[in-house]
Amino acid sequence: MDTQPNKTINELGEVKSKVDSVDHQSSAGQGQEMRHVQVIHHSHPSGNSSTTTTTGGVLAGAAAAAAVSIQCAKDALSGK
């Protein structure tokens, strides 16, 4: 298992870091369950322009971030 982050930067300057890890879960009366997981973190460049600080800009940014997260989840599930 590679615990070092694998960082990529897309054309918009957003950084995506992937780290392989292990998820440990246990329930009362049950044994411990371990499974390999991949943690993905998206860093977006900070923008100080008025378009990112207005209500419409904030909502547009949130929608774009949600779309990226959904696509990454789809890619992770499909093994891309």
C-alpha atoms as a PDB file:
ATOM      1  CA  MET A   1       0.000   0.000   0.000  1.00  0.00           C
ATOM      2  CA  ASP A   2       1.358   3.402  -1.013  1.00  0.00           C
ATOM      3  CA  THR A   3       0.731   5.910   1.787  1.00  0.00           C
ATOM      4  CA  GLN A   4       2.403   8.792  -0.056  1.00  0.00           C
ATOM      5  CA  PRO A   5       0.010  11.216  -1.762  1.00  0.00           C
ATOM      6  CA  ASN A   6      -0.242  11.006  -5.533  1.00  0.00           C
ATOM      7  CA  LYS A   7      -0.788  14.628  -6.618  1.00  0.00           C
ATOM      8  CA  THR A   8      -2.044  15.806  -9.990  1.00  0.00           C
ATOM      9  CA  ILE A   9      -2.832  19.336 -11.187  1.00  0.00           C
ATOM     10  CA  ASN A  10      -5.469  19.931 -13.861  1.00  0.00           C
ATOM     11  CA  GLU A  11      -5.667  22.764 -16.393  1.00  0.00           C
ATOM     12  CA  LEU A  12      -7.611  24.961 -13.928  1.00  0.00           C
ATOM     13  CA  GLY A  13      -4.826  24.758 -11.351  1.00  0.00           C
ATOM     14  CA  GLU A  14      -6.799  22.480  -9.038  1.00  0.00           C
ATOM     15  CA  VAL A  15      -4.722  19.966  -7.097  1.00  0.00           C
ATOM     16  CA  LYS A  16      -6.056  16.443  -6.579  1.00  0.00           C
ATOM     17  CA  SER A  17      -4.258  14.267  -4.026  1.00  0.00           C
ATOM     18  CA  LYS A  18      -4.925  10.531  -3.708  1.00  0.00           C
ATOM     19  CA  VAL A  19      -3.718   8.444  -0.771  1.00  0.00           C
ATOM     20  CA  ASP A  20      -4.238   4.714  -0.294  1.00  0.00           C
ATOM     21  CA  SER A  21      -5.260   3.800   3.244  1.00  0.00           C
ATOM     22  CA  VAL A  22      -6.992   1.123   5.318  1.00  0.00           C
ATOM     23  CA  ASP A  23     -10.417   1.546   6.914  1.00  0.00           C
ATOM     24  CA  HIS A  24     -10.817  -0.303  10.238  1.00  0.00           C
ATOM     25  CA  GLN A  25     -14.366  -0.953  11.452  1.00  0.00           C
ATOM     26  CA  SER A  26     -15.717  -3.052  14.294  1.00  0.00           C
ATOM     27  CA  SER A  27     -19.112  -3.571  15.875  1.00  0.00           C
ATOM     28  CA  ALA A  28     -19.948  -4.841  19.350  1.00  0.00           C
ATOM     29  CA  GLY A  29     -19.694  -8.632  19.346  1.00  0.00           C
ATOM     30  CA  GLN A  30     -18.165  -8.720  15.867  1.00  0.00           C
ATOM     31  CA  GLY A  31     -14.617  -9.033  14.657  1.00  0.00           C
ATOM     32  CA  GLN A  32     -12.712  -6.151  13.190  1.00  0.00           C
ATOM     33  CA  GLU A  33     -13.207  -5.529   9.483  1.00  0.00           C
ATOM     34  CA  MET A  34     -10.418  -4.013   7.398  1.00  0.00           C
ATOM     35  CA  ARG A  35     -10.717  -2.812   3.829  1.00  0.00           C
ATOM     36  CA  HIS A  36      -8.430  -0.878   1.536  1.00  0.00           C
ATOM     37  CA  VAL A  37      -9.730   2.572   0.605  1.00  0.00           C
ATOM     38  CA  GLN A  38      -8.500   5.527  -1.393  1.00  0.00           C
ATOM     39  CA  VAL A  39      -8.822   9.015   0.075  1.00  0.00           C
ATOM     40  CA  ILE A  40      -9.133  11.807  -2.496  1.00  0.00           C
ATOM     41  CA  HIS A  41      -8.720  15.491  -1.612  1.00  0.00           C
ATOM     42  CA  HIS A  42      -9.399  18.347  -4.028  1.00  0.00           C
ATOM     43  CA  SER A  43      -7.692  21.702  -3.469  1.00  0.00           C
ATOM     44  CA  HIS A  44      -8.996  24.625  -5.444  1.00  0.00           C
ATOM     45  CA  PRO A  45      -6.924  27.745  -6.074  1.00  0.00           C
ATOM     46  CA  SER A  46      -8.128  30.609  -3.917  1.00  0.00           C
ATOM     47  CA  GLY A  47      -9.660  33.400  -5.911  1.00  0.00           C
ATOM     48  CA  ASN A  48     -10.068  36.868  -4.479  1.00  0.00           C
ATOM     49  CA  SER A  49     -12.115  38.258  -7.328  1.00  0.00           C
ATOM     50  CA  SER A  50     -15.621  39.564  -6.741  1.00  0.00           C
ATOM     51  CA  THR A  51     -17.106  36.715  -8.792  1.00  0.00           C
ATOM     52  CA  THR A  52     -16.033  34.172  -6.185  1.00  0.00           C
ATOM     53  CA  THR A  53     -17.185  36.206  -3.180  1.00  0.00           C
ATOM     54  CA  THR A  54     -20.669  37.188  -4.330  1.00  0.00           C
ATOM     55  CA  THR A  55     -23.594  34.920  -3.537  1.00  0.00           C
ATOM     56  CA  GLY A  56     -23.915  33.791  -7.153  1.00  0.00           C
ATOM     57  CA  GLY A  57     -20.178  33.177  -7.383  1.00  0.00           C
ATOM     58  CA  VAL A  58     -20.168  31.145  -4.183  1.00  0.00           C
ATOM     59  CA  LEU A  59     -23.086  29.015  -5.372  1.00  0.00           C
ATOM     60  CA  ALA A  60     -21.525  28.521  -8.796  1.00  0.00           C
ATOM     61  CA  GLY A  61     -18.259  27.503  -7.158  1.00  0.00           C
ATOM     62  CA  ALA A  62     -20.063  25.076  -4.851  1.00  0.00           C
ATOM     63  CA  ALA A  63     -21.934  23.543  -7.792  1.00  0.00           C
ATOM     64  CA  ALA A  64     -18.704  23.133  -9.747  1.00  0.00           C
ATOM     65  CA  ALA A  65     -16.962  21.543  -6.750  1.00  0.00           C
ATOM     66  CA  ALA A  66     -19.894  19.154  -6.266  1.00  0.00           C
ATOM     67  CA  ALA A  67     -19.761  18.165  -9.942  1.00  0.00           C
ATOM     68  CA  VAL A  68     -16.032  17.444  -9.687  1.00  0.00           C
ATOM     69  CA  SER A  69     -16.557  15.385  -6.524  1.00  0.00           C
ATOM     70  CA  ILE A  70     -19.344  13.365  -8.135  1.00  0.00           C
ATOM     71  CA  GLN A  71     -17.218  12.671 -11.208  1.00  0.00           C
ATOM     72  CA  CYS A  72     -14.295  11.580  -9.019  1.00  0.00           C
ATOM     73  CA  ALA A  73     -16.588   9.256  -7.075  1.00  0.00           C
ATOM     74  CA  LYS A  74     -17.803   7.750 -10.363  1.00  0.00           C
ATOM     75  CA  ASP A  75     -14.198   7.323 -11.528  1.00  0.00           C
ATOM     76  CA  ALA A  76     -13.213   5.702  -8.227  1.00  0.00           C
ATOM     77  CA  LEU A  77     -16.123   3.256  -8.395  1.00  0.00           C
ATOM     78  CA  SER A  78     -15.377   2.343 -12.001  1.00  0.00           C
ATOM     79  CA  GLY A  79     -11.667   1.864 -11.259  1.00  0.00           C
ATOM     80  CA  LYS A  80     -10.346   4.743 -13.374  1.00  0.00           C
END
